Amino acid sequence: MSRQLTVVAHLVARPAKIEETRKFLLSLIEPTRAEPGCIDYDLHQDDERPAEFTFYENWKDRAAWDAHMLTPNLHEFARRADELFAVPPHIRLMTMISA
């Protein structure tokens, strides 16, 4: 039986790229929410450290997230990572165990 997958992705923008990173990350939301298996996909920006962003995502199952990782949007994300981010993204995958 497949279980819902929660993903928390923490991203830190380069200081000179905060606004550009913000716009780029916001551009990922609409197409990602339209993907099969996406339950929710929300972006947050830290109130005290504006260079820090966090995606909170829920997917029907791991297979849906794996398919998401193969989309053109995520290929563009990977291509731009060195340009936009001060450190590599910290991505946590968690399987929902509650009902």
Protein backbone atom coordinates (compact mmCIF):
# COMPACT_ATOMS: atom_id res chain seq x y z
CA MET A 1 0.00 0.00 0.00
CA SER A 2 1.40 3.40 -0.96
CA ARG A 3 1.52 6.11 1.68
CA GLN A 4 1.35 9.86 1.44
CA LEU A 5 4.77 11.50 1.18
CA THR A 6 5.59 14.83 2.80
CA VAL A 7 8.58 16.78 1.54
CA VAL A 8 10.20 19.70 3.31
CA ALA A 9 12.80 21.45 1.17
CA HIS A 10 14.88 24.19 2.81
CA LEU A 11 16.66 26.57 0.43
CA VAL A 12 19.05 29.44 1.12
CA ALA A 13 19.42 32.07 -1.59
CA ARG A 14 22.64 33.86 -2.32
CA PRO A 15 22.40 37.33 -0.70
CA ALA A 16 22.44 39.17 -4.04
CA LYS A 17 19.86 36.76 -5.51
CA ILE A 18 17.04 36.80 -2.93
CA GLU A 19 14.42 38.49 -5.11
CA GLU A 20 15.39 36.54 -8.22
CA THR A 21 15.23 33.30 -6.24
CA ARG A 22 11.86 34.26 -4.79
CA LYS A 23 10.40 34.90 -8.25
CA PHE A 24 11.85 31.70 -9.65
CA LEU A 25 10.53 29.57 -6.79
CA LEU A 26 7.09 31.18 -7.06
CA SER A 27 7.05 30.29 -10.77
CA LEU A 28 7.27 26.60 -9.85
CA ILE A 29 4.06 26.56 -7.83
CA GLU A 30 1.29 26.62 -10.44
CA PRO A 31 2.70 23.92 -12.75
CA THR A 32 3.64 21.72 -9.81
CA ARG A 33 0.19 21.94 -8.23
CA ALA A 34 -1.23 20.74 -11.58
CA GLU A 35 0.88 17.57 -11.54
CA PRO A 36 -0.83 14.23 -10.88
CA GLY A 37 -0.41 13.20 -7.26
CA CYS A 38 0.36 16.68 -5.91
CA ILE A 39 -1.80 17.28 -2.84
CA ASP A 40 -0.26 20.61 -1.90
CA TYR A 41 2.87 22.57 -2.70
CA ASP A 42 3.45 25.68 -0.61
CA LEU A 43 6.38 28.08 -0.47
CA HIS A 44 7.39 29.97 2.67
CA GLN A 45 9.94 32.73 3.22
CA ASP A 46 11.52 33.19 6.65
CA ASP A 47 10.39 36.44 8.31
CA GLU A 48 13.74 37.09 9.98
CA ARG A 49 16.08 35.61 7.36
CA PRO A 50 14.61 36.55 3.96
CA ALA A 51 17.23 34.54 2.07
CA GLU A 52 15.72 31.34 3.50
CA PHE A 53 12.83 29.60 1.74
CA THR A 54 11.00 26.39 2.54
CA PHE A 55 8.73 24.32 0.35
CA TYR A 56 6.20 22.21 2.22
CA GLU A 57 4.81 19.57 -0.11
CA ASN A 58 2.44 16.63 0.15
CA TRP A 59 2.27 13.98 -2.54
CA LYS A 60 -0.08 11.04 -3.01
CA ASP A 61 2.92 8.73 -2.75
CA ARG A 62 6.64 8.48 -3.43
CA ALA A 63 6.02 7.58 -7.09
CA ALA A 64 4.21 10.91 -7.65
CA TRP A 65 7.13 12.83 -6.15
CA ASP A 66 9.63 10.82 -8.19
CA ALA A 67 7.70 11.79 -11.35
CA HIS A 68 7.74 15.44 -10.21
CA MET A 69 11.53 15.30 -9.94
CA LEU A 70 11.71 14.43 -13.67
CA THR A 71 9.70 17.44 -14.89
CA PRO A 72 11.22 20.28 -16.95
CA ASN A 73 10.62 22.67 -14.03
CA LEU A 74 12.83 20.60 -11.75
CA HIS A 75 15.47 20.24 -14.42
CA GLU A 76 15.53 24.06 -14.57
CA PHE A 77 15.73 24.16 -10.76
CA ALA A 78 18.78 21.87 -10.86
CA ARG A 79 20.35 23.89 -13.68
CA ARG A 80 20.03 27.14 -11.71
CA ALA A 81 20.94 25.79 -8.27
CA ASP A 82 24.57 26.98 -8.22
CA GLU A 83 23.52 30.41 -9.47
CA LEU A 84 20.71 30.98 -6.95
CA PHE A 85 21.55 29.04 -3.79
CA ALA A 86 24.28 29.70 -1.24
CA VAL A 87 24.29 26.08 -0.07
CA PRO A 88 22.84 22.88 -1.50
CA PRO A 89 19.11 22.45 -0.80
CA HIS A 90 18.27 20.41 2.30
CA ILE A 91 15.42 18.07 1.36
CA ARG A 92 13.64 15.83 3.85
CA LEU A 93 11.30 13.05 2.73
CA MET A 94 8.79 11.82 5.30
CA THR A 95 6.15 9.14 5.01
CA MET A 96 2.88 9.90 6.72
CA ILE A 97 2.21 7.24 9.34
CA SER A 98 -0.98 8.62 10.88
CA ALA A 99 -4.44 7.91 9.49
